[in-house]
Amino acid sequence: MGDSFHEQLMEDSDFLKAEGRLDTEVVDKLILQLNRIYPQILTDKEATRFRKLDVPTSVRLGELLTHLQGKGEEACREFYRALHLHVEEVYYSLPTRLRLRDFLDPLSIPHVPDQKQVLNDRGPLFFVGCFSIAVGMALLYYYSEAKVTGGSRALGMAGLGLKKQAQEVLIWYAEESLMN
């Protein structure tokens, strides 16, 4: 996945040049962004050439992409930044972006409908409840040998954030320890 921006732009060019993908207004915004922020990438003369309205937008865009590829890696990267800034939906639907997303997020790969992968169908609250009981039991075991009554108070306070049954057990145990 170590594609350079230059290689990505070569791959994405056909997608970007597709009819209706980028309208005249968006292409002009991209040209102006590159010209104003990075005049070393797109000079005033070049920007004027790519903004001629008598040339169809798809032709101007194709010439711009070829020009940027000729300018090198930095120019291609700045084009992607401008694209991301002005037309996010197109940027995120680029073939290289989709491939990268699928590579980084293996869960986005379509699954076969018949195969269902369920680790736990009870949800996160079940996990939190089990974890609370385990913590309560560990605290109960740890403080059961404590001879100091301050430990029992701490145990009773520890039960406040647990489920109702675990809380009752810990508070009952703390009260029994205090009475002894």
N, C-alpha and C. Protein backbone atom coordinates (compact mmCIF):
# COMPACT_ATOMS: atom_id res chain seq x y z
N MET A 1 0.82 -1.18 0.00
CA MET A 1 0.00 0.00 0.00
C MET A 1 0.87 1.26 0.00
N GLY A 2 2.14 1.14 -0.36
CA GLY A 2 3.03 2.28 -0.35
C GLY A 2 2.99 3.07 -1.64
N ASP A 3 1.81 3.17 -2.29
CA ASP A 3 1.71 3.93 -3.54
C ASP A 3 2.04 5.39 -3.28
N SER A 4 2.75 5.97 -4.21
CA SER A 4 3.02 7.40 -4.13
C SER A 4 1.78 8.13 -4.64
N PHE A 5 1.71 9.43 -4.35
CA PHE A 5 0.58 10.22 -4.83
C PHE A 5 0.57 10.27 -6.36
N HIS A 6 1.75 10.25 -6.93
CA HIS A 6 1.86 10.25 -8.40
C HIS A 6 1.21 9.00 -8.97
N GLU A 7 1.52 7.84 -8.39
CA GLU A 7 0.93 6.57 -8.86
C GLU A 7 -0.58 6.55 -8.61
N GLN A 8 -0.99 7.09 -7.46
CA GLN A 8 -2.42 7.13 -7.17
C GLN A 8 -3.16 8.01 -8.17
N LEU A 9 -2.56 9.15 -8.52
CA LEU A 9 -3.21 10.05 -9.47
C LEU A 9 -3.31 9.41 -10.86
N MET A 10 -2.31 8.64 -11.22
CA MET A 10 -2.37 7.92 -12.51
C MET A 10 -3.55 6.95 -12.49
N GLU A 11 -3.72 6.26 -11.36
CA GLU A 11 -4.79 5.28 -11.23
C GLU A 11 -6.17 5.95 -11.15
N ASP A 12 -6.25 7.09 -10.47
CA ASP A 12 -7.53 7.77 -10.26
C ASP A 12 -7.95 8.67 -11.42
N SER A 13 -7.05 8.93 -12.36
CA SER A 13 -7.33 9.88 -13.44
C SER A 13 -8.58 9.52 -14.24
N ASP A 14 -8.72 8.28 -14.65
CA ASP A 14 -9.89 7.88 -15.44
C ASP A 14 -11.18 8.09 -14.64
N PHE A 15 -11.13 7.77 -13.37
CA PHE A 15 -12.29 7.96 -12.51
C PHE A 15 -12.66 9.44 -12.42
N LEU A 16 -11.66 10.30 -12.25
CA LEU A 16 -11.91 11.73 -12.11
C LEU A 16 -12.41 12.35 -13.41
N LYS A 17 -11.93 11.84 -14.54
CA LYS A 17 -12.31 12.40 -15.84
C LYS A 17 -13.68 11.92 -16.31
N ALA A 18 -14.28 10.98 -15.61
CA ALA A 18 -15.59 10.45 -16.01
C ALA A 18 -16.60 11.59 -16.06
N GLU A 19 -17.48 11.52 -17.03
CA GLU A 19 -18.46 12.57 -17.28
C GLU A 19 -19.29 12.85 -16.02
N GLY A 20 -19.36 14.11 -15.64
CA GLY A 20 -20.20 14.51 -14.52
C GLY A 20 -19.59 14.34 -13.15
N ARG A 21 -18.40 13.75 -13.06
CA ARG A 21 -17.79 13.53 -11.75
C ARG A 21 -17.40 14.86 -11.11
N LEU A 22 -16.72 15.71 -11.89
CA LEU A 22 -16.32 17.04 -11.42
C LEU A 22 -16.87 18.07 -12.40
N ASP A 23 -17.65 19.00 -11.91
CA ASP A 23 -18.20 20.02 -12.80
C ASP A 23 -17.22 21.18 -12.97
N THR A 24 -17.56 22.11 -13.82
CA THR A 24 -16.70 23.24 -14.16
C THR A 24 -16.33 24.06 -12.92
N GLU A 25 -17.29 24.29 -12.07
CA GLU A 25 -17.06 25.08 -10.86
C GLU A 25 -16.02 24.42 -9.95
N VAL A 26 -16.14 23.12 -9.76
CA VAL A 26 -15.20 22.39 -8.90
C VAL A 26 -13.80 22.39 -9.51
N VAL A 27 -13.71 22.16 -10.80
CA VAL A 27 -12.41 22.17 -11.47
C VAL A 27 -11.75 23.53 -11.32
N ASP A 28 -12.53 24.60 -11.47
CA ASP A 28 -11.99 25.95 -11.28
C ASP A 28 -11.51 26.17 -9.85
N LYS A 29 -12.27 25.66 -8.86
CA LYS A 29 -11.84 25.79 -7.46
C LYS A 29 -10.51 25.07 -7.23
N LEU A 30 -10.37 23.89 -7.80
CA LEU A 30 -9.13 23.13 -7.65
C LEU A 30 -7.96 23.87 -8.28
N ILE A 31 -8.18 24.42 -9.47
CA ILE A 31 -7.12 25.17 -10.17
C ILE A 31 -6.73 26.39 -9.36
N LEU A 32 -7.71 27.13 -8.87
CA LEU A 32 -7.42 28.33 -8.07
C LEU A 32 -6.72 27.99 -6.77
N GLN A 33 -7.12 26.91 -6.13
CA GLN A 33 -6.46 26.47 -4.89
C GLN A 33 -4.99 26.20 -5.16
N LEU A 34 -4.70 25.44 -6.20
CA LEU A 34 -3.31 25.11 -6.51
C LEU A 34 -2.53 26.35 -6.93
N ASN A 35 -3.16 27.25 -7.65
CA ASN A 35 -2.48 28.45 -8.12
C ASN A 35 -2.21 29.44 -6.98
N ARG A 36 -3.16 29.65 -6.12
CA ARG A 36 -2.99 30.65 -5.05
C ARG A 36 -2.11 30.15 -3.92
N ILE A 37 -2.30 28.93 -3.51
CA ILE A 37 -1.54 28.39 -2.38
C ILE A 37 -0.17 27.89 -2.82
N TYR A 38 -0.10 27.29 -3.99
CA TYR A 38 1.16 26.70 -4.47
C TYR A 38 1.48 27.20 -5.88
N PRO A 39 1.87 28.46 -6.04
CA PRO A 39 2.17 28.98 -7.38
C PRO A 39 3.36 28.28 -8.04
N GLN A 40 4.19 27.60 -7.25
CA GLN A 40 5.29 26.84 -7.84
C GLN A 40 4.77 25.58 -8.54
N ILE A 41 3.59 25.13 -8.16
CA ILE A 41 2.98 23.96 -8.79
C ILE A 41 2.17 24.38 -10.01
N LEU A 42 1.41 25.46 -9.88
CA LEU A 42 0.56 25.93 -10.96
C LEU A 42 0.70 27.46 -11.06
N THR A 43 1.44 27.91 -12.04
CA THR A 43 1.68 29.35 -12.22
C THR A 43 0.42 30.04 -12.72
N ASP A 44 0.42 31.36 -12.72
CA ASP A 44 -0.73 32.13 -13.20
C ASP A 44 -1.03 31.80 -14.66
N LYS A 45 0.01 31.69 -15.46
CA LYS A 45 -0.16 31.40 -16.89
C LYS A 45 -0.80 30.02 -17.09
N GLU A 46 -0.31 29.04 -16.33
CA GLU A 46 -0.86 27.68 -16.44
C GLU A 46 -2.31 27.65 -15.94
N ALA A 47 -2.57 28.35 -14.84
CA ALA A 47 -3.93 28.37 -14.29
C ALA A 47 -4.90 28.99 -15.30
N THR A 48 -4.49 30.05 -15.96
CA THR A 48 -5.33 30.69 -16.97
C THR A 48 -5.63 29.73 -18.11
N ARG A 49 -4.60 28.96 -18.52
CA ARG A 49 -4.78 27.99 -19.61
C ARG A 49 -5.80 26.90 -19.21
N PHE A 50 -5.74 26.43 -17.97
CA PHE A 50 -6.64 25.36 -17.54
C PHE A 50 -8.04 25.85 -17.20
N ARG A 51 -8.22 27.18 -17.13
CA ARG A 51 -9.53 27.74 -16.79
C ARG A 51 -10.30 28.25 -18.00
N LYS A 52 -9.81 28.03 -19.20
CA LYS A 52 -10.50 28.49 -20.41
C LYS A 52 -11.83 27.77 -20.54
N LEU A 53 -12.90 28.55 -20.54
CA LEU A 53 -14.24 27.97 -20.56
C LEU A 53 -14.66 27.46 -21.94
N ASP A 54 -13.93 27.85 -22.99
CA ASP A 54 -14.29 27.36 -24.33
C ASP A 54 -13.80 25.92 -24.55
N VAL A 55 -12.97 25.42 -23.63
CA VAL A 55 -12.51 24.02 -23.69
C VAL A 55 -13.39 23.21 -22.73
N PRO A 56 -13.89 22.05 -23.16
CA PRO A 56 -14.74 21.23 -22.28
C PRO A 56 -14.02 20.89 -20.96
N THR A 57 -14.81 20.83 -19.90
CA THR A 57 -14.27 20.58 -18.55
C THR A 57 -13.48 19.28 -18.49
N SER A 58 -13.97 18.23 -19.11
CA SER A 58 -13.26 16.95 -19.05
C SER A 58 -11.89 17.04 -19.71
N VAL A 59 -11.77 17.81 -20.79
CA VAL A 59 -10.49 17.98 -21.48
C VAL A 59 -9.54 18.79 -20.60
N ARG A 60 -10.07 19.89 -20.01
CA ARG A 60 -9.23 20.72 -19.14
C ARG A 60 -8.74 19.93 -17.95
N LEU A 61 -9.64 19.12 -17.37
CA LEU A 61 -9.27 18.31 -16.21
C LEU A 61 -8.21 17.28 -16.59
N GLY A 62 -8.38 16.64 -17.74
CA GLY A 62 -7.37 15.67 -18.20
C GLY A 62 -6.01 16.33 -18.39
N GLU A 63 -5.99 17.52 -18.99
CA GLU A 63 -4.73 18.24 -19.17
C GLU A 63 -4.12 18.64 -17.84
N LEU A 64 -4.96 19.06 -16.90
CA LEU A 64 -4.48 19.43 -15.56
C LEU A 64 -3.85 18.23 -14.86
N LEU A 65 -4.51 17.09 -14.90
CA LEU A 65 -3.99 15.89 -14.24
C LEU A 65 -2.66 15.46 -14.87
N THR A 66 -2.57 15.51 -16.19
CA THR A 66 -1.31 15.17 -16.87
C THR A 66 -0.22 16.15 -16.48
N HIS A 67 -0.56 17.42 -16.41
CA HIS A 67 0.40 18.46 -16.02
C HIS A 67 0.92 18.21 -14.59
N LEU A 68 0.00 17.91 -13.67
CA LEU A 68 0.39 17.68 -12.27
C LEU A 68 1.26 16.44 -12.14
N GLN A 69 0.95 15.41 -12.91
CA GLN A 69 1.79 14.21 -12.88
C GLN A 69 3.19 14.53 -13.37
N GLY A 70 3.30 15.41 -14.33
CA GLY A 70 4.60 15.83 -14.84
C GLY A 70 5.37 16.67 -13.83
N LYS A 71 4.66 17.37 -12.95
CA LYS A 71 5.30 18.22 -11.93
C LYS A 71 5.88 17.39 -10.79
N GLY A 72 5.37 16.18 -10.58
CA GLY A 72 5.95 15.30 -9.56
C GLY A 72 5.05 15.03 -8.36
N GLU A 73 5.65 14.40 -7.39
CA GLU A 73 4.96 13.90 -6.20
C GLU A 73 4.27 15.01 -5.40
N GLU A 74 4.98 16.10 -5.16
CA GLU A 74 4.43 17.21 -4.36
C GLU A 74 3.17 17.79 -5.01
N ALA A 75 3.19 17.97 -6.31
CA ALA A 75 2.04 18.52 -7.03
C ALA A 75 0.84 17.58 -6.93
N CYS A 76 1.10 16.30 -7.05
CA CYS A 76 0.02 15.31 -6.95
C CYS A 76 -0.58 15.31 -5.55
N ARG A 77 0.27 15.39 -4.54
CA ARG A 77 -0.23 15.40 -3.15
C ARG A 77 -1.10 16.64 -2.91
N GLU A 78 -0.66 17.79 -3.39
CA GLU A 78 -1.44 19.01 -3.19
C GLU A 78 -2.76 18.97 -3.95
N PHE A 79 -2.80 18.30 -5.09
CA PHE A 79 -4.06 18.12 -5.81
C PHE A 79 -5.03 17.31 -4.94
N TYR A 80 -4.55 16.24 -4.32
CA TYR A 80 -5.40 15.42 -3.46
C TYR A 80 -5.90 16.24 -2.26
N ARG A 81 -5.04 17.09 -1.71
CA ARG A 81 -5.48 17.95 -0.61
C ARG A 81 -6.60 18.88 -1.06
N ALA A 82 -6.42 19.50 -2.21
CA ALA A 82 -7.45 20.41 -2.74
C ALA A 82 -8.75 19.65 -3.01
N LEU A 83 -8.62 18.46 -3.57
CA LEU A 83 -9.80 17.63 -3.85
C LEU A 83 -10.52 17.29 -2.55
N HIS A 84 -9.78 16.92 -1.55
CA HIS A 84 -10.35 16.58 -0.24
C HIS A 84 -11.05 17.79 0.37
N LEU A 85 -10.47 18.96 0.20
CA LEU A 85 -11.02 20.19 0.75
C LEU A 85 -12.31 20.61 0.06
N HIS A 86 -12.36 20.49 -1.26
CA HIS A 86 -13.49 21.04 -2.02
C HIS A 86 -14.59 20.03 -2.35
N VAL A 87 -14.26 18.77 -2.55
CA VAL A 87 -15.27 17.76 -2.89
C VAL A 87 -14.95 16.45 -2.16
N GLU A 88 -15.29 16.44 -0.88
CA GLU A 88 -15.00 15.28 -0.05
C GLU A 88 -15.62 14.00 -0.56
N GLU A 89 -16.87 14.08 -1.05
CA GLU A 89 -17.55 12.85 -1.50
C GLU A 89 -16.83 12.21 -2.68
N VAL A 90 -16.28 13.02 -3.57
CA VAL A 90 -15.51 12.47 -4.69
C VAL A 90 -14.18 11.92 -4.17
N TYR A 91 -13.55 12.66 -3.28
CA TYR A 91 -12.26 12.22 -2.72
C TYR A 91 -12.38 10.84 -2.08
N TYR A 92 -13.40 10.65 -1.26
CA TYR A 92 -13.57 9.37 -0.56
C TYR A 92 -14.07 8.25 -1.47
N SER A 93 -14.55 8.58 -2.66
CA SER A 93 -14.99 7.52 -3.58
C SER A 93 -13.94 7.19 -4.63
N LEU A 94 -12.76 7.79 -4.54
CA LEU A 94 -11.67 7.47 -5.47
C LEU A 94 -11.27 6.00 -5.34
N PRO A 95 -10.93 5.35 -6.43
CA PRO A 95 -10.52 3.93 -6.37
C PRO A 95 -9.38 3.69 -5.38
N THR A 96 -8.40 4.58 -5.34
CA THR A 96 -7.27 4.37 -4.42
C THR A 96 -7.71 4.56 -2.97
N ARG A 97 -8.65 5.44 -2.70
CA ARG A 97 -9.16 5.65 -1.34
C ARG A 97 -9.97 4.43 -0.91
N LEU A 98 -10.80 3.91 -1.80
CA LEU A 98 -11.59 2.73 -1.47
C LEU A 98 -10.71 1.52 -1.20
N ARG A 99 -9.68 1.36 -2.02
CA ARG A 99 -8.75 0.24 -1.83
C ARG A 99 -8.02 0.38 -0.50
N LEU A 100 -7.61 1.58 -0.16
CA LEU A 100 -6.91 1.83 1.10
C LEU A 100 -7.84 1.57 2.27
N ARG A 101 -9.09 2.02 2.16
CA ARG A 101 -10.05 1.80 3.25
C ARG A 101 -10.30 0.30 3.45
N ASP A 102 -10.46 -0.42 2.36
CA ASP A 102 -10.68 -1.87 2.47
C ASP A 102 -9.46 -2.57 3.05
N PHE A 103 -8.28 -2.07 2.73
CA PHE A 103 -7.05 -2.67 3.25
C PHE A 103 -6.93 -2.41 4.75
N LEU A 104 -7.26 -1.19 5.18
CA LEU A 104 -7.11 -0.83 6.59
C LEU A 104 -8.25 -1.34 7.44
N ASP A 105 -9.44 -1.56 6.85
CA ASP A 105 -10.60 -2.01 7.60
C ASP A 105 -11.10 -3.34 7.03
N PRO A 106 -10.51 -4.45 7.48
CA PRO A 106 -10.90 -5.74 6.92
C PRO A 106 -12.36 -6.10 7.20
N LEU A 107 -13.01 -5.45 8.16
CA LEU A 107 -14.41 -5.75 8.43
C LEU A 107 -15.33 -5.18 7.37
N SER A 108 -14.81 -4.26 6.52
CA SER A 108 -15.65 -3.68 5.47
C SER A 108 -15.74 -4.59 4.25
N ILE A 109 -15.01 -5.69 4.24
CA ILE A 109 -15.09 -6.65 3.14
C ILE A 109 -16.46 -7.33 3.21
N PRO A 110 -17.14 -7.40 2.11
CA PRO A 110 -18.48 -7.99 2.14
C PRO A 110 -18.42 -9.45 2.63
N HIS A 111 -19.36 -9.79 3.49
CA HIS A 111 -19.43 -11.15 4.03
C HIS A 111 -20.46 -11.97 3.27
N VAL A 112 -20.30 -13.26 3.29
CA VAL A 112 -21.28 -14.17 2.71
C VAL A 112 -22.49 -14.15 3.63
N PRO A 113 -23.70 -13.94 3.11
CA PRO A 113 -24.87 -13.79 3.97
C PRO A 113 -25.15 -14.99 4.87
N ASP A 114 -24.84 -16.20 4.43
CA ASP A 114 -25.14 -17.38 5.23
C ASP A 114 -24.22 -17.52 6.43
N GLN A 115 -23.02 -16.98 6.35
CA GLN A 115 -22.07 -17.11 7.44
C GLN A 115 -22.17 -15.88 8.33
N LYS A 116 -22.51 -16.13 9.58
CA LYS A 116 -22.62 -15.01 10.53
C LYS A 116 -21.58 -15.22 11.60
N GLN A 117 -20.77 -14.19 11.81
CA GLN A 117 -19.72 -14.26 12.81
C GLN A 117 -20.17 -13.49 14.04
N VAL A 118 -20.49 -14.21 15.09
CA VAL A 118 -20.95 -13.58 16.32
C VAL A 118 -20.02 -14.01 17.44
N LEU A 119 -19.36 -13.03 18.03
CA LEU A 119 -18.49 -13.33 19.16
C LEU A 119 -19.31 -13.41 20.44
N ASN A 120 -20.24 -12.48 20.59
CA ASN A 120 -21.09 -12.47 21.77
C ASN A 120 -22.35 -11.71 21.40
N ASP A 121 -23.46 -12.36 21.39
CA ASP A 121 -24.70 -11.71 20.99
C ASP A 121 -25.40 -11.02 22.15
N ARG A 122 -24.78 -10.99 23.31
CA ARG A 122 -25.42 -10.38 24.48
C ARG A 122 -25.11 -8.90 24.62
N GLY A 123 -24.09 -8.42 23.95
CA GLY A 123 -23.80 -7.00 23.95
C GLY A 123 -22.80 -6.56 24.99
N PRO A 124 -22.48 -5.28 24.97
CA PRO A 124 -21.44 -4.76 25.87
C PRO A 124 -21.86 -4.72 27.33
N LEU A 125 -23.15 -4.56 27.62
CA LEU A 125 -23.57 -4.51 29.03
C LEU A 125 -23.34 -5.85 29.72
N PHE A 126 -23.50 -6.92 28.99
CA PHE A 126 -23.22 -8.24 29.56
C PHE A 126 -21.75 -8.34 29.95
N PHE A 127 -20.88 -7.87 29.07
CA PHE A 127 -19.45 -7.89 29.38
C PHE A 127 -19.15 -7.04 30.61
N VAL A 128 -19.72 -5.84 30.68
CA VAL A 128 -19.47 -4.96 31.83
C VAL A 128 -19.98 -5.61 33.11
N GLY A 129 -21.14 -6.24 33.05
CA GLY A 129 -21.67 -6.93 34.23
C GLY A 129 -20.77 -8.06 34.69
N CYS A 130 -20.29 -8.89 33.75
CA CYS A 130 -19.37 -9.98 34.11
C CYS A 130 -18.06 -9.44 34.67
N PHE A 131 -17.58 -8.40 34.05
CA PHE A 131 -16.33 -7.80 34.52
C PHE A 131 -16.51 -7.23 35.93
N SER A 132 -17.65 -6.62 36.19
CA SER A 132 -17.92 -6.06 37.52
C SER A 132 -17.96 -7.15 38.57
N ILE A 133 -18.58 -8.25 38.25
CA ILE A 133 -18.65 -9.37 39.20
C ILE A 133 -17.24 -9.92 39.46
N ALA A 134 -16.43 -10.04 38.41
CA ALA A 134 -15.06 -10.53 38.57
C ALA A 134 -14.25 -9.59 39.44
N VAL A 135 -14.39 -8.30 39.23
CA VAL A 135 -13.67 -7.32 40.05
C VAL A 135 -14.16 -7.40 41.49
N GLY A 136 -15.46 -7.51 41.67
CA GLY A 136 -16.02 -7.63 43.02
C GLY A 136 -15.49 -8.86 43.74
N MET A 137 -15.44 -9.98 43.05
CA MET A 137 -14.93 -11.21 43.67
C MET A 137 -13.45 -11.07 44.02
N ALA A 138 -12.69 -10.42 43.13
CA ALA A 138 -11.27 -10.22 43.40
C ALA A 138 -11.09 -9.32 44.62
N LEU A 139 -11.87 -8.27 44.71
CA LEU A 139 -11.80 -7.39 45.88
C LEU A 139 -12.22 -8.13 47.14
N LEU A 140 -13.27 -8.92 47.03
CA LEU A 140 -13.75 -9.70 48.16
C LEU A 140 -12.66 -10.65 48.65
N TYR A 141 -12.01 -11.33 47.75
CA TYR A 141 -10.93 -12.24 48.11
C TYR A 141 -9.74 -11.50 48.72
N TYR A 142 -9.40 -10.38 48.10
CA TYR A 142 -8.24 -9.62 48.55
C TYR A 142 -8.46 -9.06 49.95
N TYR A 143 -9.65 -8.53 50.22
CA TYR A 143 -9.91 -7.92 51.51
C TYR A 143 -10.43 -8.90 52.55
N SER A 144 -10.68 -10.14 52.19
CA SER A 144 -11.19 -11.10 53.17
C SER A 144 -10.14 -11.42 54.22
N GLU A 145 -8.89 -11.29 53.90
CA GLU A 145 -7.83 -11.56 54.87
C GLU A 145 -7.34 -10.30 55.55
N ALA A 146 -7.88 -9.15 55.20
CA ALA A 146 -7.43 -7.89 55.80
C ALA A 146 -7.96 -7.80 57.23
N LYS A 147 -7.11 -7.40 58.15
CA LYS A 147 -7.51 -7.28 59.56
C LYS A 147 -7.93 -5.85 59.88
N VAL A 148 -7.69 -4.93 58.93
CA VAL A 148 -7.98 -3.53 59.16
C VAL A 148 -9.40 -3.24 58.71
N THR A 149 -10.17 -2.56 59.55
CA THR A 149 -11.55 -2.27 59.19
C THR A 149 -11.63 -1.23 58.09
N GLY A 150 -10.61 -0.42 57.89
CA GLY A 150 -10.60 0.58 56.81
C GLY A 150 -10.71 -0.10 55.46
N GLY A 151 -10.13 -1.29 55.33
CA GLY A 151 -10.22 -2.04 54.09
C GLY A 151 -11.65 -2.45 53.80
N SER A 152 -12.41 -2.77 54.81
CA SER A 152 -13.79 -3.16 54.63
C SER A 152 -14.63 -1.98 54.15
N ARG A 153 -14.34 -0.80 54.66
CA ARG A 153 -15.05 0.39 54.19
C ARG A 153 -14.75 0.64 52.71
N ALA A 154 -13.49 0.47 52.35
CA ALA A 154 -13.11 0.67 50.94
C ALA A 154 -13.81 -0.35 50.06
N LEU A 155 -13.94 -1.57 50.57
CA LEU A 155 -14.64 -2.61 49.82
C LEU A 155 -16.10 -2.24 49.63
N GLY A 156 -16.72 -1.71 50.66
CA GLY A 156 -18.11 -1.28 50.57
C GLY A 156 -18.27 -0.15 49.57
N MET A 157 -17.33 0.77 49.54
CA MET A 157 -17.39 1.89 48.59
C MET A 157 -17.13 1.40 47.16
N ALA A 158 -16.30 0.36 47.00
CA ALA A 158 -16.00 -0.17 45.67
C ALA A 158 -17.24 -0.76 45.03
N GLY A 159 -18.17 -1.21 45.83
CA GLY A 159 -19.38 -1.82 45.31
C GLY A 159 -20.38 -0.83 44.73
N LEU A 160 -20.17 0.44 44.93
CA LEU A 160 -21.15 1.42 44.48
C LEU A 160 -21.29 1.48 42.96
N GLY A 161 -20.22 1.20 42.20
CA GLY A 161 -20.31 1.29 40.76
C GLY A 161 -20.68 -0.01 40.08
N LEU A 162 -20.97 -1.05 40.86
CA LEU A 162 -21.23 -2.37 40.27
C LEU A 162 -22.73 -2.60 40.10
N LYS A 163 -23.05 -3.71 39.46
CA LYS A 163 -24.45 -4.11 39.29
C LYS A 163 -25.09 -4.31 40.66
N LYS A 164 -26.41 -4.29 40.69
CA LYS A 164 -27.15 -4.31 41.94
C LYS A 164 -26.82 -5.54 42.81
N GLN A 165 -26.77 -6.75 42.22
CA GLN A 165 -26.50 -7.95 43.02
C GLN A 165 -25.08 -7.93 43.59
N ALA A 166 -24.11 -7.54 42.76
CA ALA A 166 -22.72 -7.49 43.23
C ALA A 166 -22.57 -6.40 44.27
N GLN A 167 -23.26 -5.31 44.10
CA GLN A 167 -23.20 -4.19 45.04
C GLN A 167 -23.74 -4.65 46.41
N GLU A 168 -24.85 -5.35 46.40
CA GLU A 168 -25.45 -5.81 47.66
C GLU A 168 -24.52 -6.78 48.39
N VAL A 169 -23.87 -7.66 47.66
CA VAL A 169 -22.94 -8.62 48.27
C VAL A 169 -21.76 -7.89 48.90
N LEU A 170 -21.18 -6.96 48.18
CA LEU A 170 -20.02 -6.25 48.71
C LEU A 170 -20.38 -5.37 49.91
N ILE A 171 -21.50 -4.70 49.85
CA ILE A 171 -21.92 -3.85 50.98
C ILE A 171 -22.26 -4.73 52.18
N TRP A 172 -22.93 -5.85 51.98
CA TRP A 172 -23.23 -6.78 53.07
C TRP A 172 -21.95 -7.28 53.70
N TYR A 173 -20.97 -7.65 52.87
CA TYR A 173 -19.70 -8.14 53.38
C TYR A 173 -18.98 -7.04 54.19
N ALA A 174 -19.03 -5.81 53.69
CA ALA A 174 -18.37 -4.71 54.38
C ALA A 174 -19.03 -4.47 55.73
N GLU A 175 -20.37 -4.55 55.80
CA GLU A 175 -21.07 -4.35 57.06
C GLU A 175 -20.75 -5.47 58.04
N GLU A 176 -20.67 -6.72 57.58
CA GLU A 176 -20.33 -7.85 58.44
C GLU A 176 -18.93 -7.70 59.00
N SER A 177 -17.99 -7.21 58.17
CA SER A 177 -16.61 -7.02 58.63
C SER A 177 -16.53 -5.95 59.69
N LEU A 178 -17.33 -4.89 59.53
CA LEU A 178 -17.30 -3.82 60.50
C LEU A 178 -17.89 -4.25 61.85
N MET A 179 -18.89 -5.14 61.83
CA MET A 179 -19.50 -5.62 63.08
C MET A 179 -18.58 -6.53 63.84
N ASN A 180 -17.69 -7.25 63.16
CA ASN A 180 -16.76 -8.18 63.83
C ASN A 180 -15.61 -7.44 64.33
